Amino acid sequence: MSDKSKDLQQMVSVLKQGATLTEHICPACSSPIFRFKNGELWCAKCQKRAVLLKEDETVESLTAQAKIGTLENTVLTKIEAVEQKIQEEDDVEELQKLNLLLTTLLENLQKIREMKKPR
């Protein structure tokens, strides 16, 4: 199967999933961008999510926002893990260490969320 046929099949598959064709093209491959019902933009050829920049946005600022979101998820996962350990732990000294760690994680989470707020 040729690359063009494969690309076309992927586009048809995306349309069958309920996506609609947009007027935008992928900056990486120049293929059309599709929009799913949940609003997600998708390049069928690259098989990647697409993001549209607003006039006042830069790629760097959008990348930074995505990294902050990933960092927030990581900290939340660590908080859940520490919470689980606290529930299972009986040793007072270990509980104190876990409490200190939890406090630090919560402070970091608060800082991350402050960074996410629009200015």
PDB file of N, CA and C in Angstrom:
ATOM      1  N   MET A   1       0.842  -1.170   0.000  1.00  0.00           N
ATOM      2  CA  MET A   1       0.000   0.000   0.000  1.00  0.00           C
ATOM      3  C   MET A   1       0.895   1.243   0.000  1.00  0.00           C
ATOM      4  N   SER A   2       0.574   2.208  -0.854  1.00  0.00           N
ATOM      5  CA  SER A   2       1.385   3.420  -0.943  1.00  0.00           C
ATOM      6  C   SER A   2       1.156   4.314   0.275  1.00  0.00           C
ATOM      7  N   ASP A   3       2.100   5.227   0.487  1.00  0.00           N
ATOM      8  CA  ASP A   3       1.978   6.154   1.614  1.00  0.00           C
ATOM      9  C   ASP A   3       0.735   7.015   1.487  1.00  0.00           C
ATOM     10  N   LYS A   4       0.411   7.437   0.256  1.00  0.00           N
ATOM     11  CA  LYS A   4      -0.775   8.278   0.047  1.00  0.00           C
ATOM     12  C   LYS A   4      -2.048   7.513   0.380  1.00  0.00           C
ATOM     13  N   SER A   5      -2.095   6.241   0.017  1.00  0.00           N
ATOM     14  CA  SER A   5      -3.269   5.422   0.338  1.00  0.00           C
ATOM     15  C   SER A   5      -3.397   5.234   1.841  1.00  0.00           C
ATOM     16  N   LYS A   6      -2.283   5.018   2.495  1.00  0.00           N
ATOM     17  CA  LYS A   6      -2.285   4.849   3.943  1.00  0.00           C
ATOM     18  C   LYS A   6      -2.767   6.127   4.626  1.00  0.00           C
ATOM     19  N   ASP A   7      -2.238   7.280   4.169  1.00  0.00           N
ATOM     20  CA  ASP A   7      -2.658   8.562   4.729  1.00  0.00           C
ATOM     21  C   ASP A   7      -4.152   8.784   4.532  1.00  0.00           C
ATOM     22  N   LEU A   8      -4.636   8.465   3.349  1.00  0.00           N
ATOM     23  CA  LEU A   8      -6.061   8.631   3.048  1.00  0.00           C
ATOM     24  C   LEU A   8      -6.907   7.715   3.923  1.00  0.00           C
ATOM     25  N   GLN A   9      -6.469   6.491   4.114  1.00  0.00           N
ATOM     26  CA  GLN A   9      -7.194   5.557   4.992  1.00  0.00           C
ATOM     27  C   GLN A   9      -7.257   6.089   6.421  1.00  0.00           C
ATOM     28  N   GLN A  10      -6.171   6.671   6.901  1.00  0.00           N
ATOM     29  CA  GLN A  10      -6.153   7.229   8.251  1.00  0.00           C
ATOM     30  C   GLN A  10      -7.126   8.399   8.361  1.00  0.00           C
ATOM     31  N   MET A  11      -7.196   9.229   7.320  1.00  0.00           N
ATOM     32  CA  MET A  11      -8.123  10.354   7.324  1.00  0.00           C
ATOM     33  C   MET A  11      -9.573   9.873   7.313  1.00  0.00           C
ATOM     34  N   VAL A  12      -9.854   8.857   6.521  1.00  0.00           N
ATOM     35  CA  VAL A  12     -11.203   8.280   6.476  1.00  0.00           C
ATOM     36  C   VAL A  12     -11.562   7.699   7.837  1.00  0.00           C
ATOM     37  N   SER A  13     -10.605   7.039   8.469  1.00  0.00           N
ATOM     38  CA  SER A  13     -10.839   6.464   9.792  1.00  0.00           C
ATOM     39  C   SER A  13     -11.199   7.542  10.806  1.00  0.00           C
ATOM     40  N   VAL A  14     -10.498   8.665  10.768  1.00  0.00           N
ATOM     41  CA  VAL A  14     -10.766   9.771  11.683  1.00  0.00           C
ATOM     42  C   VAL A  14     -12.165  10.329  11.435  1.00  0.00           C
ATOM     43  N   LEU A  15     -12.540  10.454  10.165  1.00  0.00           N
ATOM     44  CA  LEU A  15     -13.891  10.938   9.832  1.00  0.00           C
ATOM     45  C   LEU A  15     -14.958   9.965  10.323  1.00  0.00           C
ATOM     46  N   LYS A  16     -14.706   8.678  10.187  1.00  0.00           N
ATOM     47  CA  LYS A  16     -15.668   7.664  10.659  1.00  0.00           C
ATOM     48  C   LYS A  16     -15.838   7.714  12.176  1.00  0.00           C
ATOM     49  N   GLN A  17     -14.812   8.212  12.881  1.00  0.00           N
ATOM     50  CA  GLN A  17     -14.879   8.340  14.338  1.00  0.00           C
ATOM     51  C   GLN A  17     -15.661   9.588  14.759  1.00  0.00           C
ATOM     52  N   GLY A  18     -16.145  10.342  13.780  1.00  0.00           N
ATOM     53  CA  GLY A  18     -16.972  11.507  14.086  1.00  0.00           C
ATOM     54  C   GLY A  18     -16.254  12.841  14.010  1.00  0.00           C
ATOM     55  N   ALA A  19     -15.016  12.832  13.582  1.00  0.00           N
ATOM     56  CA  ALA A  19     -14.277  14.091  13.464  1.00  0.00           C
ATOM     57  C   ALA A  19     -14.734  14.850  12.230  1.00  0.00           C
ATOM     58  N   THR A  20     -14.492  16.146  12.259  1.00  0.00           N
ATOM     59  CA  THR A  20     -14.798  16.976  11.098  1.00  0.00           C
ATOM     60  C   THR A  20     -13.513  17.602  10.581  1.00  0.00           C
ATOM     61  N   LEU A  21     -13.502  17.887   9.295  1.00  0.00           N
ATOM     62  CA  LEU A  21     -12.354  18.503   8.655  1.00  0.00           C
ATOM     63  C   LEU A  21     -12.353  19.993   8.979  1.00  0.00           C
ATOM     64  N   THR A  22     -11.195  20.533   9.337  1.00  0.00           N
ATOM     65  CA  THR A  22     -11.081  21.978   9.605  1.00  0.00           C
ATOM     66  C   THR A  22     -10.366  22.643   8.431  1.00  0.00           C
ATOM     67  N   GLU A  23     -10.283  23.962   8.485  1.00  0.00           N
ATOM     68  CA  GLU A  23      -9.570  24.701   7.440  1.00  0.00           C
ATOM     69  C   GLU A  23      -8.075  24.774   7.714  1.00  0.00           C
ATOM     70  N   HIS A  24      -7.627  24.201   8.813  1.00  0.00           N
ATOM     71  CA  HIS A  24      -6.224  24.289   9.227  1.00  0.00           C
ATOM     72  C   HIS A  24      -5.414  23.130   8.660  1.00  0.00           C
ATOM     73  N   ILE A  25      -4.114  23.381   8.497  1.00  0.00           N
ATOM     74  CA  ILE A  25      -3.212  22.320   8.049  1.00  0.00           C
ATOM     75  C   ILE A  25      -2.122  22.111   9.093  1.00  0.00           C
ATOM     76  N   CYS A  26      -1.594  20.920   9.113  1.00  0.00           N
ATOM     77  CA  CYS A  26      -0.533  20.561  10.045  1.00  0.00           C
ATOM     78  C   CYS A  26       0.764  21.256   9.613  1.00  0.00           C
ATOM     79  N   PRO A  27       1.423  21.953  10.546  1.00  0.00           N
ATOM     80  CA  PRO A  27       2.684  22.614  10.182  1.00  0.00           C
ATOM     81  C   PRO A  27       3.809  21.626   9.904  1.00  0.00           C
ATOM     82  N   ALA A  28       3.678  20.406  10.396  1.00  0.00           N
ATOM     83  CA  ALA A  28       4.740  19.413  10.215  1.00  0.00           C
ATOM     84  C   ALA A  28       4.654  18.701   8.873  1.00  0.00           C
ATOM     85  N   CYS A  29       3.409  18.401   8.425  1.00  0.00           N
ATOM     86  CA  CYS A  29       3.276  17.574   7.215  1.00  0.00           C
ATOM     87  C   CYS A  29       2.353  18.175   6.152  1.00  0.00           C
ATOM     88  N   SER A  30       1.713  19.301   6.458  1.00  0.00           N
ATOM     89  CA  SER A  30       0.804  20.001   5.544  1.00  0.00           C
ATOM     90  C   SER A  30      -0.483  19.233   5.234  1.00  0.00           C
ATOM     91  N   SER A  31      -0.808  18.251   6.052  1.00  0.00           N
ATOM     92  CA  SER A  31      -2.070  17.522   5.895  1.00  0.00           C
ATOM     93  C   SER A  31      -3.172  18.264   6.636  1.00  0.00           C
ATOM     94  N   PRO A  32      -4.429  17.994   6.287  1.00  0.00           N
ATOM     95  CA  PRO A  32      -5.535  18.668   6.979  1.00  0.00           C
ATOM     96  C   PRO A  32      -5.616  18.270   8.453  1.00  0.00           C
ATOM     97  N   ILE A  33      -6.111  19.209   9.246  1.00  0.00           N
ATOM     98  CA  ILE A  33      -6.337  18.974  10.672  1.00  0.00           C
ATOM     99  C   ILE A  33      -7.812  18.675  10.873  1.00  0.00           C
ATOM    100  N   PHE A  34      -8.114  17.694  11.708  1.00  0.00           N
ATOM    101  CA  PHE A  34      -9.481  17.287  12.013  1.00  0.00           C
ATOM    102  C   PHE A  34      -9.827  17.680  13.435  1.00  0.00           C
ATOM    103  N   ARG A  35     -11.120  17.922  13.681  1.00  0.00           N
ATOM    104  CA  ARG A  35     -11.582  18.262  15.027  1.00  0.00           C
ATOM    105  C   ARG A  35     -12.583  17.190  15.473  1.00  0.00           C
ATOM    106  N   PHE A  36     -12.272  16.574  16.646  1.00  0.00           N
ATOM    107  CA  PHE A  36     -13.197  15.610  17.227  1.00  0.00           C
ATOM    108  C   PHE A  36     -14.300  16.342  17.974  1.00  0.00           C
ATOM    109  N   LYS A  37     -15.356  15.625  18.304  1.00  0.00           N
ATOM    110  CA  LYS A  37     -16.506  16.227  18.992  1.00  0.00           C
ATOM    111  C   LYS A  37     -16.122  16.834  20.333  1.00  0.00           C
ATOM    112  N   ASN A  38     -15.081  16.310  20.977  1.00  0.00           N
ATOM    113  CA  ASN A  38     -14.634  16.855  22.266  1.00  0.00           C
ATOM    114  C   ASN A  38     -13.759  18.102  22.097  1.00  0.00           C
ATOM    115  N   GLY A  39     -13.551  18.524  20.858  1.00  0.00           N
ATOM    116  CA  GLY A  39     -12.771  19.727  20.575  1.00  0.00           C
ATOM    117  C   GLY A  39     -11.310  19.466  20.264  1.00  0.00           C
ATOM    118  N   GLU A  40     -10.865  18.243  20.474  1.00  0.00           N
ATOM    119  CA  GLU A  40      -9.460  17.919  20.226  1.00  0.00           C
ATOM    120  C   GLU A  40      -9.164  18.001  18.736  1.00  0.00           C
ATOM    121  N   LEU A  41      -8.034  18.638  18.415  1.00  0.00           N
ATOM    122  CA  LEU A  41      -7.573  18.731  17.029  1.00  0.00           C
ATOM    123  C   LEU A  41      -6.567  17.615  16.776  1.00  0.00           C
ATOM    124  N   TRP A  42      -6.611  17.038  15.564  1.00  0.00           N
ATOM    125  CA  TRP A  42      -5.810  15.849  15.284  1.00  0.00           C
ATOM    126  C   TRP A  42      -5.284  15.870  13.858  1.00  0.00           C
ATOM    127  N   CYS A  43      -4.010  15.508  13.704  1.00  0.00           N
ATOM    128  CA  CYS A  43      -3.439  15.293  12.378  1.00  0.00           C
ATOM    129  C   CYS A  43      -3.435  13.791  12.126  1.00  0.00           C
ATOM    130  N   ALA A  44      -4.194  13.372  11.120  1.00  0.00           N
ATOM    131  CA  ALA A  44      -4.313  11.937  10.835  1.00  0.00           C
ATOM    132  C   ALA A  44      -3.004  11.370  10.281  1.00  0.00           C
ATOM    133  N   LYS A  45      -2.285  12.152   9.524  1.00  0.00           N
ATOM    134  CA  LYS A  45      -1.042  11.660   8.935  1.00  0.00           C
ATOM    135  C   LYS A  45       0.046  11.489   9.997  1.00  0.00           C
ATOM    136  N   CYS A  46       0.234  12.507  10.833  1.00  0.00           N
ATOM    137  CA  CYS A  46       1.247  12.430  11.891  1.00  0.00           C
ATOM    138  C   CYS A  46       0.799  11.558  13.063  1.00  0.00           C
ATOM    139  N   GLN A  47      -0.523  11.331  13.160  1.00  0.00           N
ATOM    140  CA  GLN A  47      -1.102  10.589  14.286  1.00  0.00           C
ATOM    141  C   GLN A  47      -0.771  11.285  15.605  1.00  0.00           C
ATOM    142  N   LYS A  48      -0.935  12.628  15.597  1.00  0.00           N
ATOM    143  CA  LYS A  48      -0.644  13.424  16.779  1.00  0.00           C
ATOM    144  C   LYS A  48      -1.714  14.481  16.973  1.00  0.00           C
ATOM    145  N   ARG A  49      -1.840  14.892  18.232  1.00  0.00           N
ATOM    146  CA  ARG A  49      -2.728  15.987  18.592  1.00  0.00           C
ATOM    147  C   ARG A  49      -2.161  17.283  18.027  1.00  0.00           C
ATOM    148  N   ALA A  50      -3.037  18.160  17.573  1.00  0.00           N
ATOM    149  CA  ALA A  50      -2.614  19.456  17.057  1.00  0.00           C
ATOM    150  C   ALA A  50      -3.132  20.553  17.981  1.00  0.00           C
ATOM    151  N   VAL A  51      -2.414  21.645  18.035  1.00  0.00           N
ATOM    152  CA  VAL A  51      -2.806  22.779  18.867  1.00  0.00           C
ATOM    153  C   VAL A  51      -2.723  24.030  18.016  1.00  0.00           C
ATOM    154  N   LEU A  52      -3.753  24.858  18.089  1.00  0.00           N
ATOM    155  CA  LEU A  52      -3.742  26.129  17.372  1.00  0.00           C
ATOM    156  C   LEU A  52      -3.266  27.229  18.312  1.00  0.00           C
ATOM    157  N   LEU A  53      -2.354  28.030  17.831  1.00  0.00           N
ATOM    158  CA  LEU A  53      -1.863  29.141  18.620  1.00  0.00           C
ATOM    159  C   LEU A  53      -2.756  30.353  18.404  1.00  0.00           C
ATOM    160  N   LYS A  54      -3.060  31.062  19.484  1.00  0.00           N
ATOM    161  CA  LYS A  54      -3.763  32.326  19.374  1.00  0.00           C
ATOM    162  C   LYS A  54      -2.744  33.374  18.958  1.00  0.00           C
ATOM    163  N   GLU A  55      -3.218  34.515  18.515  1.00  0.00           N
ATOM    164  CA  GLU A  55      -2.310  35.551  18.017  1.00  0.00           C
ATOM    165  C   GLU A  55      -1.248  35.954  19.025  1.00  0.00           C
ATOM    166  N   ASP A  56      -1.609  36.008  20.299  1.00  0.00           N
ATOM    167  CA  ASP A  56      -0.657  36.467  21.312  1.00  0.00           C
ATOM    168  C   ASP A  56       0.131  35.330  21.955  1.00  0.00           C
ATOM    169  N   GLU A  57       0.002  34.105  21.444  1.00  0.00           N
ATOM    170  CA  GLU A  57       0.709  32.959  22.008  1.00  0.00           C
ATOM    171  C   GLU A  57       1.936  32.615  21.176  1.00  0.00           C
ATOM    172  N   THR A  58       2.900  31.996  21.836  1.00  0.00           N
ATOM    173  CA  THR A  58       4.070  31.473  21.136  1.00  0.00           C
ATOM    174  C   THR A  58       4.144  29.975  21.384  1.00  0.00           C
ATOM    175  N   VAL A  59       4.894  29.301  20.565  1.00  0.00           N
ATOM    176  CA  VAL A  59       5.089  27.856  20.751  1.00  0.00           C
ATOM    177  C   VAL A  59       5.721  27.602  22.117  1.00  0.00           C
ATOM    178  N   GLU A  60       6.638  28.475  22.503  1.00  0.00           N
ATOM    179  CA  GLU A  60       7.331  28.314  23.786  1.00  0.00           C
ATOM    180  C   GLU A  60       6.360  28.425  24.956  1.00  0.00           C
ATOM    181  N   SER A  61       5.450  29.414  24.890  1.00  0.00           N
ATOM    182  CA  SER A  61       4.507  29.575  26.004  1.00  0.00           C
ATOM    183  C   SER A  61       3.548  28.403  26.077  1.00  0.00           C
ATOM    184  N   LEU A  62       3.132  27.892  24.929  1.00  0.00           N
ATOM    185  CA  LEU A  62       2.232  26.742  24.914  1.00  0.00           C
ATOM    186  C   LEU A  62       2.936  25.488  25.423  1.00  0.00           C
ATOM    187  N   THR A  63       4.197  25.325  25.052  1.00  0.00           N
ATOM    188  CA  THR A  63       4.986  24.194  25.531  1.00  0.00           C
ATOM    189  C   THR A  63       5.177  24.279  27.044  1.00  0.00           C
ATOM    190  N   ALA A  64       5.432  25.479  27.534  1.00  0.00           N
ATOM    191  CA  ALA A  64       5.607  25.666  28.981  1.00  0.00           C
ATOM    192  C   ALA A  64       4.324  25.321  29.721  1.00  0.00           C
ATOM    193  N   GLN A  65       3.172  25.734  29.185  1.00  0.00           N
ATOM    194  CA  GLN A  65       1.889  25.415  29.811  1.00  0.00           C
ATOM    195  C   GLN A  65       1.673  23.905  29.867  1.00  0.00           C
ATOM    196  N   ALA A  66       2.021  23.216  28.786  1.00  0.00           N
ATOM    197  CA  ALA A  66       1.863  21.756  28.760  1.00  0.00           C
ATOM    198  C   ALA A  66       2.774  21.092  29.791  1.00  0.00           C
ATOM    199  N   LYS A  67       3.993  21.585  29.921  1.00  0.00           N
ATOM    200  CA  LYS A  67       4.926  21.017  30.891  1.00  0.00           C
ATOM    201  C   LYS A  67       4.446  21.249  32.317  1.00  0.00           C
ATOM    202  N   ILE A  68       3.871  22.420  32.555  1.00  0.00           N
ATOM    203  CA  ILE A  68       3.327  22.716  33.882  1.00  0.00           C
ATOM    204  C   ILE A  68       2.188  21.753  34.204  1.00  0.00           C
ATOM    205  N   GLY A  69       1.344  21.476  33.208  1.00  0.00           N
ATOM    206  CA  GLY A  69       0.250  20.519  33.400  1.00  0.00           C
ATOM    207  C   GLY A  69       0.769  19.123  33.710  1.00  0.00           C
ATOM    208  N   THR A  70       1.811  18.708  33.016  1.00  0.00           N
ATOM    209  CA  THR A  70       2.421  17.404  33.266  1.00  0.00           C
ATOM    210  C   THR A  70       3.029  17.359  34.665  1.00  0.00           C
ATOM    211  N   LEU A  71       3.693  18.432  35.048  1.00  0.00           N
ATOM    212  CA  LEU A  71       4.288  18.516  36.380  1.00  0.00           C
ATOM    213  C   LEU A  71       3.212  18.440  37.460  1.00  0.00           C
ATOM    214  N   GLU A  72       2.099  19.123  37.241  1.00  0.00           N
ATOM    215  CA  GLU A  72       1.000  19.077  38.202  1.00  0.00           C
ATOM    216  C   GLU A  72       0.492  17.641  38.371  1.00  0.00           C
ATOM    217  N   ASN A  73       0.332  16.935  37.264  1.00  0.00           N
ATOM    218  CA  ASN A  73      -0.125  15.539  37.341  1.00  0.00           C
ATOM    219  C   ASN A  73       0.875  14.663  38.084  1.00  0.00           C
ATOM    220  N   THR A  74       2.153  14.898  37.867  1.00  0.00           N
ATOM    221  CA  THR A  74       3.186  14.122  38.558  1.00  0.00           C
ATOM    222  C   THR A  74       3.128  14.358  40.065  1.00  0.00           C
ATOM    223  N   VAL A  75       3.004  15.623  40.461  1.00  0.00           N
ATOM    224  CA  VAL A  75       2.939  15.951  41.890  1.00  0.00           C
ATOM    225  C   VAL A  75       1.676  15.342  42.515  1.00  0.00           C
ATOM    226  N   LEU A  76       0.560  15.396  41.816  1.00  0.00           N
ATOM    227  CA  LEU A  76      -0.671  14.785  42.332  1.00  0.00           C
ATOM    228  C   LEU A  76      -0.513  13.283  42.527  1.00  0.00           C
ATOM    229  N   THR A  77       0.163  12.633  41.587  1.00  0.00           N
ATOM    230  CA  THR A  77       0.416  11.189  41.703  1.00  0.00           C
ATOM    231  C   THR A  77       1.284  10.895  42.922  1.00  0.00           C
ATOM    232  N   LYS A  78       2.296  11.721  43.148  1.00  0.00           N
ATOM    233  CA  LYS A  78       3.172  11.534  44.311  1.00  0.00           C
ATOM    234  C   LYS A  78       2.413  11.775  45.611  1.00  0.00           C
ATOM    235  N   ILE A  79       1.532  12.755  45.626  1.00  0.00           N
ATOM    236  CA  ILE A  79       0.715  13.020  46.824  1.00  0.00           C
ATOM    237  C   ILE A  79      -0.139  11.802  47.156  1.00  0.00           C
ATOM    238  N   GLU A  80      -0.736  11.215  46.134  1.00  0.00           N
ATOM    239  CA  GLU A  80      -1.552  10.009  46.356  1.00  0.00           C
ATOM    240  C   GLU A  80      -0.706   8.867  46.900  1.00  0.00           C
ATOM    241  N   ALA A  81       0.505   8.709  46.388  1.00  0.00           N
ATOM    242  CA  ALA A  81       1.395   7.638  46.855  1.00  0.00           C
ATOM    243  C   ALA A  81       1.793   7.857  48.310  1.00  0.00           C
ATOM    244  N   VAL A  82       2.109   9.100  48.662  1.00  0.00           N
ATOM    245  CA  VAL A  82       2.477   9.406  50.052  1.00  0.00           C
ATOM    246  C   VAL A  82       1.279   9.193  50.970  1.00  0.00           C
ATOM    247  N   GLU A  83       0.111   9.596  50.520  1.00  0.00           N
ATOM    248  CA  GLU A  83      -1.107   9.392  51.316  1.00  0.00           C
ATOM    249  C   GLU A  83      -1.325   7.904  51.619  1.00  0.00           C
ATOM    250  N   GLN A  84      -1.106   7.081  50.610  1.00  0.00           N
ATOM    251  CA  GLN A  84      -1.253   5.636  50.799  1.00  0.00           C
ATOM    252  C   GLN A  84      -0.250   5.115  51.823  1.00  0.00           C
ATOM    253  N   LYS A  85       0.988   5.596  51.740  1.00  0.00           N
ATOM    254  CA  LYS A  85       2.016   5.158  52.698  1.00  0.00           C
ATOM    255  C   LYS A  85       1.682   5.614  54.109  1.00  0.00           C
ATOM    256  N   ILE A  86       1.143   6.816  54.242  1.00  0.00           N
ATOM    257  CA  ILE A  86       0.750   7.324  55.562  1.00  0.00           C
ATOM    258  C   ILE A  86      -0.324   6.420  56.171  1.00  0.00           C
ATOM    259  N   GLN A  87      -1.274   6.004  55.358  1.00  0.00           N
ATOM    260  CA  GLN A  87      -2.345   5.137  55.852  1.00  0.00           C
ATOM    261  C   GLN A  87      -1.818   3.787  56.337  1.00  0.00           C
ATOM    262  N   GLU A  88      -0.753   3.308  55.726  1.00  0.00           N
ATOM    263  CA  GLU A  88      -0.211   1.990  56.056  1.00  0.00           C
ATOM    264  C   GLU A  88       0.849   2.032  57.157  1.00  0.00           C
ATOM    265  N   GLU A  89       1.407   3.216  57.415  1.00  0.00           N
ATOM    266  CA  GLU A  89       2.544   3.345  58.323  1.00  0.00           C
ATOM    267  C   GLU A  89       2.106   3.478  59.784  1.00  0.00           C
ATOM    268  N   ASP A  90       2.868   2.812  60.675  1.00  0.00           N
ATOM    269  CA  ASP A  90       2.621   2.896  62.116  1.00  0.00           C
ATOM    270  C   ASP A  90       3.779   3.557  62.868  1.00  0.00           C
ATOM    271  N   ASP A  91       4.961   3.549  62.272  1.00  0.00           N
ATOM    272  CA  ASP A  91       6.152   4.104  62.920  1.00  0.00           C
ATOM    273  C   ASP A  91       6.061   5.639  62.940  1.00  0.00           C
ATOM    274  N   VAL A  92       6.185   6.215  64.139  1.00  0.00           N
ATOM    275  CA  VAL A  92       6.029   7.656  64.323  1.00  0.00           C
ATOM    276  C   VAL A  92       7.085   8.444  63.543  1.00  0.00           C
ATOM    277  N   GLU A  93       8.330   7.996  63.606  1.00  0.00           N
ATOM    278  CA  GLU A  93       9.399   8.710  62.894  1.00  0.00           C
ATOM    279  C   GLU A  93       9.159   8.698  61.384  1.00  0.00           C
ATOM    280  N   GLU A  94       8.743   7.565  60.890  1.00  0.00           N
ATOM    281  CA  GLU A  94       8.460   7.459  59.450  1.00  0.00           C
ATOM    282  C   GLU A  94       7.256   8.332  59.071  1.00  0.00           C
ATOM    283  N   LEU A  95       6.257   8.379  59.948  1.00  0.00           N
ATOM    284  CA  LEU A  95       5.097   9.248  59.706  1.00  0.00           C
ATOM    285  C   LEU A  95       5.502  10.714  59.663  1.00  0.00           C
ATOM    286  N   GLN A  96       6.451  11.105  60.519  1.00  0.00           N
ATOM    287  CA  GLN A  96       6.935  12.483  60.500  1.00  0.00           C
ATOM    288  C   GLN A  96       7.630  12.800  59.177  1.00  0.00           C
ATOM    289  N   LYS A  97       8.436  11.874  58.682  1.00  0.00           N
ATOM    290  CA  LYS A  97       9.110  12.065  57.392  1.00  0.00           C
ATOM    291  C   LYS A  97       8.089  12.171  56.257  1.00  0.00           C
ATOM    292  N   LEU A  98       7.101  11.284  56.302  1.00  0.00           N
ATOM    293  CA  LEU A  98       6.066  11.309  55.268  1.00  0.00           C
ATOM    294  C   LEU A  98       5.253  12.605  55.329  1.00  0.00           C
ATOM    295  N   ASN A  99       4.999  13.089  56.558  1.00  0.00           N
ATOM    296  CA  ASN A  99       4.268  14.333  56.727  1.00  0.00           C
ATOM    297  C   ASN A  99       5.046  15.506  56.132  1.00  0.00           C
ATOM    298  N   LEU A 100       6.358  15.530  56.364  1.00  0.00           N
ATOM    299  CA  LEU A 100       7.200  16.574  55.806  1.00  0.00           C
ATOM    300  C   LEU A 100       7.193  16.515  54.272  1.00  0.00           C
ATOM    301  N   LEU A 101       7.298  15.313  53.744  1.00  0.00           N
ATOM    302  CA  LEU A 101       7.256  15.131  52.300  1.00  0.00           C
ATOM    303  C   LEU A 101       5.912  15.580  51.733  1.00  0.00           C
ATOM    304  N   LEU A 102       4.830  15.206  52.384  1.00  0.00           N
ATOM    305  CA  LEU A 102       3.488  15.593  51.931  1.00  0.00           C
ATOM    306  C   LEU A 102       3.327  17.113  51.957  1.00  0.00           C
ATOM    307  N   THR A 103       3.819  17.743  52.998  1.00  0.00           N
ATOM    308  CA  THR A 103       3.746  19.203  53.104  1.00  0.00           C
ATOM    309  C   THR A 103       4.496  19.860  51.944  1.00  0.00           C
ATOM    310  N   THR A 104       5.683  19.366  51.641  1.00  0.00           N
ATOM    311  CA  THR A 104       6.470  19.900  50.529  1.00  0.00           C
ATOM    312  C   THR A 104       5.745  19.717  49.199  1.00  0.00           C
ATOM    313  N   LEU A 105       5.183  18.531  48.994  1.00  0.00           N
ATOM    314  CA  LEU A 105       4.448  18.275  47.748  1.00  0.00           C
ATOM    315  C   LEU A 105       3.237  19.191  47.618  1.00  0.00           C
ATOM    316  N   LEU A 106       2.513  19.397  48.707  1.00  0.00           N
ATOM    317  CA  LEU A 106       1.340  20.269  48.672  1.00  0.00           C
ATOM    318  C   LEU A 106       1.738  21.723  48.395  1.00  0.00           C
ATOM    319  N   GLU A 107       2.849  22.164  48.978  1.00  0.00           N
ATOM    320  CA  GLU A 107       3.343  23.514  48.700  1.00  0.00           C
ATOM    321  C   GLU A 107       3.714  23.662  47.228  1.00  0.00           C
ATOM    322  N   ASN A 108       4.364  22.632  46.692  1.00  0.00           N
ATOM    323  CA  ASN A 108       4.728  22.661  45.269  1.00  0.00           C
ATOM    324  C   ASN A 108       3.495  22.663  44.380  1.00  0.00           C
ATOM    325  N   LEU A 109       2.500  21.893  44.755  1.00  0.00           N
ATOM    326  CA  LEU A 109       1.253  21.864  43.987  1.00  0.00           C
ATOM    327  C   LEU A 109       0.613  23.252  43.967  1.00  0.00           C
ATOM    328  N   GLN A 110       0.611  23.908  45.102  1.00  0.00           N
ATOM    329  CA  GLN A 110       0.044  25.245  45.186  1.00  0.00           C
ATOM    330  C   GLN A 110       0.815  26.218  44.275  1.00  0.00           C
ATOM    331  N   LYS A 111       2.130  26.131  44.269  1.00  0.00           N
ATOM    332  CA  LYS A 111       2.955  26.990  43.418  1.00  0.00           C
ATOM    333  C   LYS A 111       2.673  26.719  41.941  1.00  0.00           C
ATOM    334  N   ILE A 112       2.547  25.453  41.592  1.00  0.00           N
ATOM    335  CA  ILE A 112       2.265  25.079  40.197  1.00  0.00           C
ATOM    336  C   ILE A 112       0.917  25.661  39.770  1.00  0.00           C
ATOM    337  N   ARG A 113      -0.069  25.534  40.642  1.00  0.00           N
ATOM    338  CA  ARG A 113      -1.400  26.056  40.297  1.00  0.00           C
ATOM    339  C   ARG A 113      -1.407  27.573  40.195  1.00  0.00           C
ATOM    340  N   GLU A 114      -0.581  28.236  40.981  1.00  0.00           N
ATOM    341  CA  GLU A 114      -0.444  29.693  40.860  1.00  0.00           C
ATOM    342  C   GLU A 114       0.152  30.055  39.498  1.00  0.00           C
ATOM    343  N   MET A 115       1.105  29.246  39.049  1.00  0.00           N
ATOM    344  CA  MET A 115       1.736  29.495  37.748  1.00  0.00           C
ATOM    345  C   MET A 115       0.747  29.313  36.598  1.00  0.00           C
ATOM    346  N   LYS A 116      -0.240  28.454  36.786  1.00  0.00           N
ATOM    347  CA  LYS A 116      -1.229  28.183  35.742  1.00  0.00           C
ATOM    348  C   LYS A 116      -2.276  29.278  35.605  1.00  0.00           C
ATOM    349  N   LYS A 117      -2.446  30.067  36.649  1.00  0.00           N
ATOM    350  CA  LYS A 117      -3.472  31.099  36.612  1.00  0.00           C
ATOM    351  C   LYS A 117      -3.135  32.140  35.549  1.00  0.00           C
ATOM    352  N   PRO A 118      -4.171  32.571  34.795  1.00  0.00           N
ATOM    353  CA  PRO A 118      -3.907  33.621  33.790  1.00  0.00           C
ATOM    354  C   PRO A 118      -3.520  34.927  34.466  1.00  0.00           C
ATOM    355  N   ARG A 119      -2.647  35.637  33.833  1.00  0.00           N
ATOM    356  CA  ARG A 119      -2.163  36.899  34.415  1.00  0.00           C
ATOM    357  C   ARG A 119      -2.732  38.071  33.687  1.00  0.00           C
TER     358      ARG A 119
END
